[in-house]
Every structure is written in C-alpha cells, then in structure tokens.
PDB file of N, CA and C in Angstrom:
ATOM      1  N   ALA A   1      85.818  75.960-210.411  1.00  0.00           N
ATOM      2  CA  ALA A   1      85.960  77.077-211.331  1.00  0.00           C
ATOM      3  C   ALA A   1      87.446  77.354-211.568  1.00  0.00           C
ATOM      4  N   ASP A   2      87.826  77.274-212.816  1.00  0.00           N
ATOM      5  CA  ASP A   2      89.223  77.450-213.181  1.00  0.00           C
ATOM      6  C   ASP A   2      89.561  78.880-213.590  1.00  0.00           C
ATOM      7  N   GLN A   3      88.617  79.776-213.464  1.00  0.00           N
ATOM      8  CA  GLN A   3      88.863  81.197-213.740  1.00  0.00           C
ATOM      9  C   GLN A   3      89.205  81.494-215.197  1.00  0.00           C
ATOM     10  N   HIS A   4      88.637  80.742-216.138  1.00  0.00           N
ATOM     11  CA  HIS A   4      88.843  81.012-217.556  1.00  0.00           C
ATOM     12  C   HIS A   4      87.637  81.768-218.086  1.00  0.00           C
ATOM     13  N   LEU A   5      87.878  82.736-218.961  1.00  0.00           N
ATOM     14  CA  LEU A   5      86.796  83.377-219.699  1.00  0.00           C
ATOM     15  C   LEU A   5      86.764  82.711-221.064  1.00  0.00           C
ATOM     16  N   VAL A   6      85.596  82.252-221.478  1.00  0.00           N
ATOM     17  CA  VAL A   6      85.480  81.474-222.702  1.00  0.00           C
ATOM     18  C   VAL A   6      84.589  82.195-223.700  1.00  0.00           C
ATOM     19  N   GLU A   7      85.030  82.245-224.943  1.00  0.00           N
ATOM     20  CA  GLU A   7      84.218  82.731-226.064  1.00  0.00           C
ATOM     21  C   GLU A   7      83.932  81.518-226.932  1.00  0.00           C
ATOM     22  N   THR A   8      82.718  81.393-227.420  1.00  0.00           N
ATOM     23  CA  THR A   8      82.395  80.279-228.308  1.00  0.00           C
ATOM     24  C   THR A   8      82.050  80.816-229.700  1.00  0.00           C
ATOM     25  N   ALA A   9      82.167  79.937-230.677  1.00  0.00           N
ATOM     26  CA  ALA A   9      81.820  80.282-232.054  1.00  0.00           C
ATOM     27  C   ALA A   9      81.085  79.093-232.661  1.00  0.00           C
ATOM     28  N   VAL A  10      80.149  79.372-233.567  1.00  0.00           N
ATOM     29  CA  VAL A  10      79.366  78.287-234.162  1.00  0.00           C
ATOM     30  C   VAL A  10      80.113  77.573-235.278  1.00  0.00           C
ATOM     31  N   ASN A  11      81.160  78.202-235.818  1.00  0.00           N
ATOM     32  CA  ASN A  11      81.968  77.564-236.857  1.00  0.00           C
ATOM     33  C   ASN A  11      83.355  78.202-236.891  1.00  0.00           C
ATOM     34  N   GLY A  12      84.224  77.652-237.709  1.00  0.00           N
ATOM     35  CA  GLY A  12      85.595  78.134-237.780  1.00  0.00           C
ATOM     36  C   GLY A  12      85.712  79.573-238.252  1.00  0.00           C
ATOM     37  N   LEU A  13      84.871  79.965-239.195  1.00  0.00           N
ATOM     38  CA  LEU A  13      84.919  81.334-239.716  1.00  0.00           C
ATOM     39  C   LEU A  13      84.559  82.348-238.635  1.00  0.00           C
ATOM     40  N   GLU A  14      83.508  82.046-237.867  1.00  0.00           N
ATOM     41  CA  GLU A  14      83.134  82.932-236.759  1.00  0.00           C
ATOM     42  C   GLU A  14      84.235  82.953-235.698  1.00  0.00           C
ATOM     43  N   GLY A  15      84.850  81.796-235.462  1.00  0.00           N
ATOM     44  CA  GLY A  15      85.949  81.730-234.513  1.00  0.00           C
ATOM     45  C   GLY A  15      87.104  82.624-234.924  1.00  0.00           C
ATOM     46  N   LEU A  16      87.426  82.618-236.208  1.00  0.00           N
ATOM     47  CA  LEU A  16      88.510  83.454-236.720  1.00  0.00           C
ATOM     48  C   LEU A  16      88.164  84.936-236.567  1.00  0.00           C
ATOM     49  N   GLN A  17      86.920  85.294-236.869  1.00  0.00           N
ATOM     50  CA  GLN A  17      86.494  86.690-236.721  1.00  0.00           C
ATOM     51  C   GLN A  17      86.582  87.134-235.263  1.00  0.00           C
ATOM     52  N   LYS A  18      86.129  86.293-234.345  1.00  0.00           N
ATOM     53  CA  LYS A  18      86.221  86.634-232.919  1.00  0.00           C
ATOM     54  C   LYS A  18      87.675  86.760-232.483  1.00  0.00           C
ATOM     55  N   PHE A  19      88.531  85.874-232.996  1.00  0.00           N
ATOM     56  CA  PHE A  19      89.953  85.928-232.657  1.00  0.00           C
ATOM     57  C   PHE A  19      90.565  87.253-233.131  1.00  0.00           C
ATOM     58  N   GLN A  20      90.241  87.646-234.337  1.00  0.00           N
ATOM     59  CA  GLN A  20      90.784  88.881-234.903  1.00  0.00           C
ATOM     60  C   GLN A  20      90.328  90.116-234.130  1.00  0.00           C
ATOM     61  N   ASN A  21      89.151  90.056-233.537  1.00  0.00           N
ATOM     62  CA  ASN A  21      88.577  91.218-232.846  1.00  0.00           C
ATOM     63  C   ASN A  21      88.774  91.206-231.342  1.00  0.00           C
ATOM     64  N   GLY A  22      89.475  90.217-230.820  1.00  0.00           N
ATOM     65  CA  GLY A  22      89.606  90.113-229.369  1.00  0.00           C
ATOM     66  C   GLY A  22      91.028  89.811-228.944  1.00  0.00           C
ATOM     67  N   HIS A  23      91.174  89.502-227.656  1.00  0.00           N
ATOM     68  CA  HIS A  23      92.471  89.084-227.118  1.00  0.00           C
ATOM     69  C   HIS A  23      92.276  87.724-226.463  1.00  0.00           C
ATOM     70  N   PHE A  24      93.051  86.758-226.898  1.00  0.00           N
ATOM     71  CA  PHE A  24      92.929  85.397-226.389  1.00  0.00           C
ATOM     72  C   PHE A  24      94.301  84.852-226.047  1.00  0.00           C
ATOM     73  N   ASP A  25      94.389  84.141-224.923  1.00  0.00           N
ATOM     74  CA  ASP A  25      95.638  83.521-224.506  1.00  0.00           C
ATOM     75  C   ASP A  25      95.835  82.164-225.172  1.00  0.00           C
ATOM     76  N   LEU A  26      94.734  81.570-225.617  1.00  0.00           N
ATOM     77  CA  LEU A  26      94.743  80.192-226.099  1.00  0.00           C
ATOM     78  C   LEU A  26      93.535  79.986-226.993  1.00  0.00           C
ATOM     79  N   VAL A  27      93.686  79.121-228.001  1.00  0.00           N
ATOM     80  CA  VAL A  27      92.557  78.748-228.855  1.00  0.00           C
ATOM     81  C   VAL A  27      92.385  77.238-228.770  1.00  0.00           C
ATOM     82  N   ILE A  28      91.151  76.811-228.501  1.00  0.00           N
ATOM     83  CA  ILE A  28      90.806  75.389-228.534  1.00  0.00           C
ATOM     84  C   ILE A  28      89.758  75.245-229.627  1.00  0.00           C
ATOM     85  N   THR A  29      90.051  74.416-230.608  1.00  0.00           N
ATOM     86  CA  THR A  29      89.136  74.265-231.730  1.00  0.00           C
ATOM     87  C   THR A  29      88.792  72.809-231.980  1.00  0.00           C
ATOM     88  N   ASP A  30      87.587  72.597-232.469  1.00  0.00           N
ATOM     89  CA  ASP A  30      87.175  71.280-232.938  1.00  0.00           C
ATOM     90  C   ASP A  30      87.734  71.126-234.347  1.00  0.00           C
ATOM     91  N   GLN A  31      87.940  69.909-234.795  1.00  0.00           N
ATOM     92  CA  GLN A  31      88.399  69.710-236.172  1.00  0.00           C
ATOM     93  C   GLN A  31      87.241  69.831-237.152  1.00  0.00           C
ATOM     94  N   GLY A  32      86.149  69.104-236.896  1.00  0.00           N
ATOM     95  CA  GLY A  32      85.033  69.073-237.837  1.00  0.00           C
ATOM     96  C   GLY A  32      84.064  70.212-237.598  1.00  0.00           C
ATOM     97  N   MET A  33      84.187  71.278-238.393  1.00  0.00           N
ATOM     98  CA  MET A  33      83.291  72.436-238.285  1.00  0.00           C
ATOM     99  C   MET A  33      82.917  72.907-239.685  1.00  0.00           C
ATOM    100  N   PRO A  34      81.727  73.496-239.827  1.00  0.00           N
ATOM    101  CA  PRO A  34      81.367  74.066-241.126  1.00  0.00           C
ATOM    102  C   PRO A  34      82.148  75.349-241.401  1.00  0.00           C
ATOM    103  N   GLU A  35      82.172  75.762-242.642  1.00  0.00           N
ATOM    104  CA  GLU A  35      82.818  77.001-243.106  1.00  0.00           C
ATOM    105  C   GLU A  35      84.337  76.893-243.150  1.00  0.00           C
ATOM    106  N   MET A  36      84.962  76.453-242.058  1.00  0.00           N
ATOM    107  CA  MET A  36      86.420  76.361-241.955  1.00  0.00           C
ATOM    108  C   MET A  36      86.706  75.327-240.884  1.00  0.00           C
ATOM    109  N   ASN A  37      87.488  74.285-241.210  1.00  0.00           N
ATOM    110  CA  ASN A  37      87.730  73.258-240.195  1.00  0.00           C
ATOM    111  C   ASN A  37      88.804  73.700-239.208  1.00  0.00           C
ATOM    112  N   GLY A  38      89.041  72.878-238.202  1.00  0.00           N
ATOM    113  CA  GLY A  38      89.966  73.235-237.134  1.00  0.00           C
ATOM    114  C   GLY A  38      91.399  73.453-237.603  1.00  0.00           C
ATOM    115  N   LEU A  39      91.867  72.626-238.540  1.00  0.00           N
ATOM    116  CA  LEU A  39      93.231  72.798-239.045  1.00  0.00           C
ATOM    117  C   LEU A  39      93.366  74.088-239.843  1.00  0.00           C
ATOM    118  N   GLN A  40      92.335  74.431-240.608  1.00  0.00           N
ATOM    119  CA  GLN A  40      92.355  75.685-241.365  1.00  0.00           C
ATOM    120  C   GLN A  40      92.347  76.880-240.415  1.00  0.00           C
ATOM    121  N   LEU A  41      91.528  76.787-239.366  1.00  0.00           N
ATOM    122  CA  LEU A  41      91.472  77.855-238.366  1.00  0.00           C
ATOM    123  C   LEU A  41      92.829  77.997-237.668  1.00  0.00           C
ATOM    124  N   ALA A  42      93.419  76.877-237.265  1.00  0.00           N
ATOM    125  CA  ALA A  42      94.719  76.901-236.597  1.00  0.00           C
ATOM    126  C   ALA A  42      95.780  77.539-237.491  1.00  0.00           C
ATOM    127  N   ALA A  43      95.782  77.180-238.768  1.00  0.00           N
ATOM    128  CA  ALA A  43      96.762  77.730-239.705  1.00  0.00           C
ATOM    129  C   ALA A  43      96.589  79.248-239.837  1.00  0.00           C
ATOM    130  N   ALA A  44      95.351  79.715-239.911  1.00  0.00           N
ATOM    131  CA  ALA A  44      95.091  81.153-240.023  1.00  0.00           C
ATOM    132  C   ALA A  44      95.552  81.885-238.762  1.00  0.00           C
ATOM    133  N   ILE A  45      95.299  81.302-237.606  1.00  0.00           N
ATOM    134  CA  ILE A  45      95.709  81.916-236.336  1.00  0.00           C
ATOM    135  C   ILE A  45      97.225  81.970-236.242  1.00  0.00           C
ATOM    136  N   LYS A  46      97.902  80.873-236.599  1.00  0.00           N
ATOM    137  CA  LYS A  46      99.363  80.834-236.531  1.00  0.00           C
ATOM    138  C   LYS A  46     100.002  81.800-237.527  1.00  0.00           C
ATOM    139  N   GLN A  47      99.325  82.045-238.639  1.00  0.00           N
ATOM    140  CA  GLN A  47      99.844  82.994-239.618  1.00  0.00           C
ATOM    141  C   GLN A  47      99.835  84.403-239.022  1.00  0.00           C
ATOM    142  N   MET A  48      98.789  84.717-238.246  1.00  0.00           N
ATOM    143  CA  MET A  48      98.681  86.041-237.615  1.00  0.00           C
ATOM    144  C   MET A  48      99.547  86.142-236.366  1.00  0.00           C
ATOM    145  N   THR A  49      99.507  85.095-235.541  1.00  0.00           N
ATOM    146  CA  THR A  49     100.223  85.094-234.262  1.00  0.00           C
ATOM    147  C   THR A  49     100.878  83.728-234.069  1.00  0.00           C
ATOM    148  N   PRO A  50     102.099  83.576-234.602  1.00  0.00           N
ATOM    149  CA  PRO A  50     102.756  82.259-234.606  1.00  0.00           C
ATOM    150  C   PRO A  50     102.929  81.609-233.235  1.00  0.00           C
ATOM    151  N   LYS A  51     103.031  82.401-232.180  1.00  0.00           N
ATOM    152  CA  LYS A  51     103.262  81.822-230.852  1.00  0.00           C
ATOM    153  C   LYS A  51     101.980  81.535-230.066  1.00  0.00           C
ATOM    154  N   LYS A  52     100.816  81.827-230.654  1.00  0.00           N
ATOM    155  CA  LYS A  52      99.545  81.598-229.958  1.00  0.00           C
ATOM    156  C   LYS A  52      99.307  80.094-229.818  1.00  0.00           C
ATOM    157  N   PRO A  53      99.118  79.591-228.594  1.00  0.00           N
ATOM    158  CA  PRO A  53      98.851  78.155-228.419  1.00  0.00           C
ATOM    159  C   PRO A  53      97.491  77.751-229.003  1.00  0.00           C
ATOM    160  N   VAL A  54      97.490  76.648-229.755  1.00  0.00           N
ATOM    161  CA  VAL A  54      96.262  76.122-230.353  1.00  0.00           C
ATOM    162  C   VAL A  54      96.149  74.646-230.012  1.00  0.00           C
ATOM    163  N   ILE A  55      95.006  74.283-229.421  1.00  0.00           N
ATOM    164  CA  ILE A  55      94.691  72.879-229.127  1.00  0.00           C
ATOM    165  C   ILE A  55      93.593  72.442-230.094  1.00  0.00           C
ATOM    166  N   LEU A  56      93.784  71.285-230.716  1.00  0.00           N
ATOM    167  CA  LEU A  56      92.792  70.727-231.630  1.00  0.00           C
ATOM    168  C   LEU A  56      92.084  69.566-230.951  1.00  0.00           C
ATOM    169  N   LEU A  57      90.768  69.681-230.788  1.00  0.00           N
ATOM    170  CA  LEU A  57      89.942  68.591-230.264  1.00  0.00           C
ATOM    171  C   LEU A  57      89.399  67.823-231.455  1.00  0.00           C
ATOM    172  N   THR A  58      89.539  66.517-231.434  1.00  0.00           N
ATOM    173  CA  THR A  58      89.057  65.755-232.574  1.00  0.00           C
ATOM    174  C   THR A  58      88.614  64.360-232.190  1.00  0.00           C
ATOM    175  N   GLY A  59      87.621  63.891-232.870  1.00  0.00           N
ATOM    176  CA  GLY A  59      87.191  62.505-232.738  1.00  0.00           C
ATOM    177  C   GLY A  59      88.122  61.585-233.511  1.00  0.00           C
ATOM    178  N   TYR A  60      89.007  62.191-234.314  1.00  0.00           N
ATOM    179  CA  TYR A  60      89.967  61.427-235.104  1.00  0.00           C
ATOM    180  C   TYR A  60      91.319  61.377-234.413  1.00  0.00           C
ATOM    181  N   GLY A  61      91.327  61.558-233.095  1.00  0.00           N
ATOM    182  CA  GLY A  61      92.569  61.623-232.327  1.00  0.00           C
ATOM    183  C   GLY A  61      93.483  60.436-232.507  1.00  0.00           C
ATOM    184  N   GLN A  62      92.911  59.254-232.696  1.00  0.00           N
ATOM    185  CA  GLN A  62      93.744  58.061-232.878  1.00  0.00           C
ATOM    186  C   GLN A  62      94.516  58.150-234.187  1.00  0.00           C
ATOM    187  N   ALA A  63      93.916  58.770-235.198  1.00  0.00           N
ATOM    188  CA  ALA A  63      94.567  58.889-236.506  1.00  0.00           C
ATOM    189  C   ALA A  63      95.559  60.050-236.535  1.00  0.00           C
ATOM    190  N   MET A  64      95.441  60.948-235.557  1.00  0.00           N
ATOM    191  CA  MET A  64      96.268  62.151-235.538  1.00  0.00           C
ATOM    192  C   MET A  64      96.897  62.260-234.154  1.00  0.00           C
ATOM    193  N   THR A  65      97.941  61.523-233.911  1.00  0.00           N
ATOM    194  CA  THR A  65      98.552  61.504-232.583  1.00  0.00           C
ATOM    195  C   THR A  65      99.412  62.737-232.362  1.00  0.00           C
ATOM    196  N   GLU A  66      99.829  62.945-231.124  1.00  0.00           N
ATOM    197  CA  GLU A  66     100.675  64.097-230.794  1.00  0.00           C
ATOM    198  C   GLU A  66     101.951  64.091-231.619  1.00  0.00           C
ATOM    199  N   ASP A  67     102.483  62.905-231.933  1.00  0.00           N
ATOM    200  CA  ASP A  67     103.731  62.800-232.692  1.00  0.00           C
ATOM    201  C   ASP A  67     103.593  63.331-234.110  1.00  0.00           C
ATOM    202  N   GLU A  68     102.407  63.196-234.663  1.00  0.00           N
ATOM    203  CA  GLU A  68     102.198  63.675-236.024  1.00  0.00           C
ATOM    204  C   GLU A  68     101.254  64.867-236.050  1.00  0.00           C
ATOM    205  N   SER A  69     101.312  65.661-235.006  1.00  0.00           N
ATOM    206  CA  SER A  69     100.505  66.871-234.901  1.00  0.00           C
ATOM    207  C   SER A  69     100.762  67.790-236.086  1.00  0.00           C
ATOM    208  N   PRO A  70      99.720  68.310-236.700  1.00  0.00           N
ATOM    209  CA  PRO A  70      99.916  69.275-237.781  1.00  0.00           C
ATOM    210  C   PRO A  70     100.695  70.491-237.264  1.00  0.00           C
ATOM    211  N   ALA A  71     101.476  71.116-238.133  1.00  0.00           N
ATOM    212  CA  ALA A  71     102.372  72.206-237.736  1.00  0.00           C
ATOM    213  C   ALA A  71     101.638  73.365-237.047  1.00  0.00           C
ATOM    214  N   ALA A  72     100.412  73.639-237.435  1.00  0.00           N
ATOM    215  CA  ALA A  72      99.688  74.787-236.891  1.00  0.00           C
ATOM    216  C   ALA A  72      99.053  74.495-235.530  1.00  0.00           C
ATOM    217  N   VAL A  73      99.197  73.263-235.061  1.00  0.00           N
ATOM    218  CA  VAL A  73      98.548  72.850-233.819  1.00  0.00           C
ATOM    219  C   VAL A  73      99.613  72.497-232.782  1.00  0.00           C
ATOM    220  N   ASP A  74      99.445  73.005-231.567  1.00  0.00           N
ATOM    221  CA  ASP A  74     100.399  72.707-230.504  1.00  0.00           C
ATOM    222  C   ASP A  74     100.110  71.381-229.815  1.00  0.00           C
ATOM    223  N   LEU A  75      98.841  70.979-229.805  1.00  0.00           N
ATOM    224  CA  LEU A  75      98.457  69.741-229.131  1.00  0.00           C
ATOM    225  C   LEU A  75      97.176  69.204-229.754  1.00  0.00           C
ATOM    226  N   VAL A  76      97.138  67.893-230.007  1.00  0.00           N
ATOM    227  CA  VAL A  76      95.927  67.220-230.488  1.00  0.00           C
ATOM    228  C   VAL A  76      95.351  66.442-229.318  1.00  0.00           C
ATOM    229  N   VAL A  77      94.070  66.629-229.036  1.00  0.00           N
ATOM    230  CA  VAL A  77      93.398  65.956-227.932  1.00  0.00           C
ATOM    231  C   VAL A  77      92.172  65.224-228.476  1.00  0.00           C
ATOM    232  N   SER A  78      92.032  63.959-228.090  1.00  0.00           N
ATOM    233  CA  SER A  78      90.901  63.155-228.551  1.00  0.00           C
ATOM    234  C   SER A  78      89.633  63.488-227.785  1.00  0.00           C
ATOM    235  N   LYS A  79      88.509  63.432-228.499  1.00  0.00           N
ATOM    236  CA  LYS A  79      87.195  63.575-227.865  1.00  0.00           C
ATOM    237  C   LYS A  79      86.686  62.170-227.571  1.00  0.00           C
ATOM    238  N   PRO A  80      85.846  61.990-226.590  1.00  0.00           N
ATOM    239  CA  PRO A  80      85.415  63.017-225.637  1.00  0.00           C
ATOM    240  C   PRO A  80      86.535  63.348-224.651  1.00  0.00           C
ATOM    241  N   ILE A  81      86.494  64.553-224.098  1.00  0.00           N
ATOM    242  CA  ILE A  81      87.524  64.976-223.152  1.00  0.00           C
ATOM    243  C   ILE A  81      86.873  65.270-221.809  1.00  0.00           C
ATOM    244  N   THR A  82      87.570  64.931-220.754  1.00  0.00           N
ATOM    245  CA  THR A  82      87.084  65.225-219.404  1.00  0.00           C
ATOM    246  C   THR A  82      87.574  66.600-218.980  1.00  0.00           C
ATOM    247  N   ARG A  83      87.004  67.098-217.913  1.00  0.00           N
ATOM    248  CA  ARG A  83      87.445  68.395-217.389  1.00  0.00           C
ATOM    249  C   ARG A  83      88.922  68.331-216.979  1.00  0.00           C
ATOM    250  N   SER A  84      89.317  67.243-216.322  1.00  0.00           N
ATOM    251  CA  SER A  84      90.715  67.116-215.907  1.00  0.00           C
ATOM    252  C   SER A  84      91.627  66.968-217.125  1.00  0.00           C
ATOM    253  N   GLY A  85      91.165  66.269-218.150  1.00  0.00           N
ATOM    254  CA  GLY A  85      91.940  66.136-219.379  1.00  0.00           C
ATOM    255  C   GLY A  85      92.137  67.477-220.066  1.00  0.00           C
ATOM    256  N   LEU A  86      91.095  68.303-220.039  1.00  0.00           N
ATOM    257  CA  LEU A  86      91.187  69.638-220.628  1.00  0.00           C
ATOM    258  C   LEU A  86      92.155  70.505-219.834  1.00  0.00           C
ATOM    259  N   LYS A  87      92.088  70.408-218.515  1.00  0.00           N
ATOM    260  CA  LYS A  87      93.031  71.167-217.663  1.00  0.00           C
ATOM    261  C   LYS A  87      94.468  70.773-217.965  1.00  0.00           C
ATOM    262  N   GLU A  88      94.713  69.468-218.127  1.00  0.00           N
ATOM    263  CA  GLU A  88      96.064  68.980-218.460  1.00  0.00           C
ATOM    264  C   GLU A  88      96.522  69.515-219.805  1.00  0.00           C
ATOM    265  N   ALA A  89      95.629  69.492-220.792  1.00  0.00           N
ATOM    266  CA  ALA A  89      95.965  69.972-222.142  1.00  0.00           C
ATOM    267  C   ALA A  89      96.326  71.458-222.107  1.00  0.00           C
ATOM    268  N   ILE A  90      95.538  72.248-221.388  1.00  0.00           N
ATOM    269  CA  ILE A  90      95.802  73.687-221.275  1.00  0.00           C
ATOM    270  C   ILE A  90      97.151  73.916-220.599  1.00  0.00           C
ATOM    271  N   ALA A  91      97.424  73.179-219.535  1.00  0.00           N
ATOM    272  CA  ALA A  91      98.694  73.317-218.822  1.00  0.00           C
ATOM    273  C   ALA A  91      99.886  72.985-219.715  1.00  0.00           C
ATOM    274  N   LYS A  92      99.720  72.025-220.634  1.00  0.00           N
ATOM    275  CA  LYS A  92     100.806  71.629-221.530  1.00  0.00           C
ATOM    276  C   LYS A  92     101.175  72.750-222.506  1.00  0.00           C
ATOM    277  N   VAL A  93     100.186  73.515-222.972  1.00  0.00           N
ATOM    278  CA  VAL A  93     100.475  74.508-224.019  1.00  0.00           C
ATOM    279  C   VAL A  93     100.679  75.934-223.492  1.00  0.00           C
ATOM    280  N   ILE A  94     100.228  76.202-222.275  1.00  0.00           N
ATOM    281  CA  ILE A  94     100.412  77.536-221.681  1.00  0.00           C
ATOM    282  C   ILE A  94     101.705  77.509-220.883  1.00  0.00           C
ATOM    283  N   LYS A  95     102.620  78.375-221.244  1.00  0.00           N
ATOM    284  CA  LYS A  95     103.905  78.387-220.554  1.00  0.00           C
ATOM    285  C   LYS A  95     104.032  79.583-219.655  1.00  0.00           C
TER     286      LYS A  95
END
C-alpha cells in the first residue's frame, strides 16, 4: 500500500470536472478517452494550474517518447504499466 487516495473518471470530461471540484497532487490520464482525450485534459489542467504534475499513460508510448512529450504533460508512460513502473513515474514528477 503506497498510501495514495485515488479518484477515477469514466472519461476526460468527468476527470476535468472532478479536478475542478477537488484537490489533487497529481493527475494520471489515459490518452484515448471519450469526450476529451488525455492531451486535451492535460492542457485544460495546465491552463488552470500550470505547476500541477500530469502523467500521460498511452499505448502509443513508442510514438510519443519522453523527449517529444507534449507541453501539457510532464511525463509520457507506455501501457501496460507495472506497479513499480507507476511508482517510478510518480516519483519522477512529484518533487
């Protein structure tokens, strides 16, 4: 148990609404979601809170490497991800 409290959303739009109504230290989003994709969600979050860490999980990780990470995303992580891989990703973006 890593002592994280997690909120889930069924799509990017719901994720944005939950973000606006809550307090979050970090956002982890999938890229492929209905209503609003992960990059759109990340951009909206960064517009509201530019320093909020955002991790993008994607099956397209090979096409979107860390070097060419979109501006609204702090880290791109390929799926599938292991628990240890997720812990490493969180440690990289939380300072």
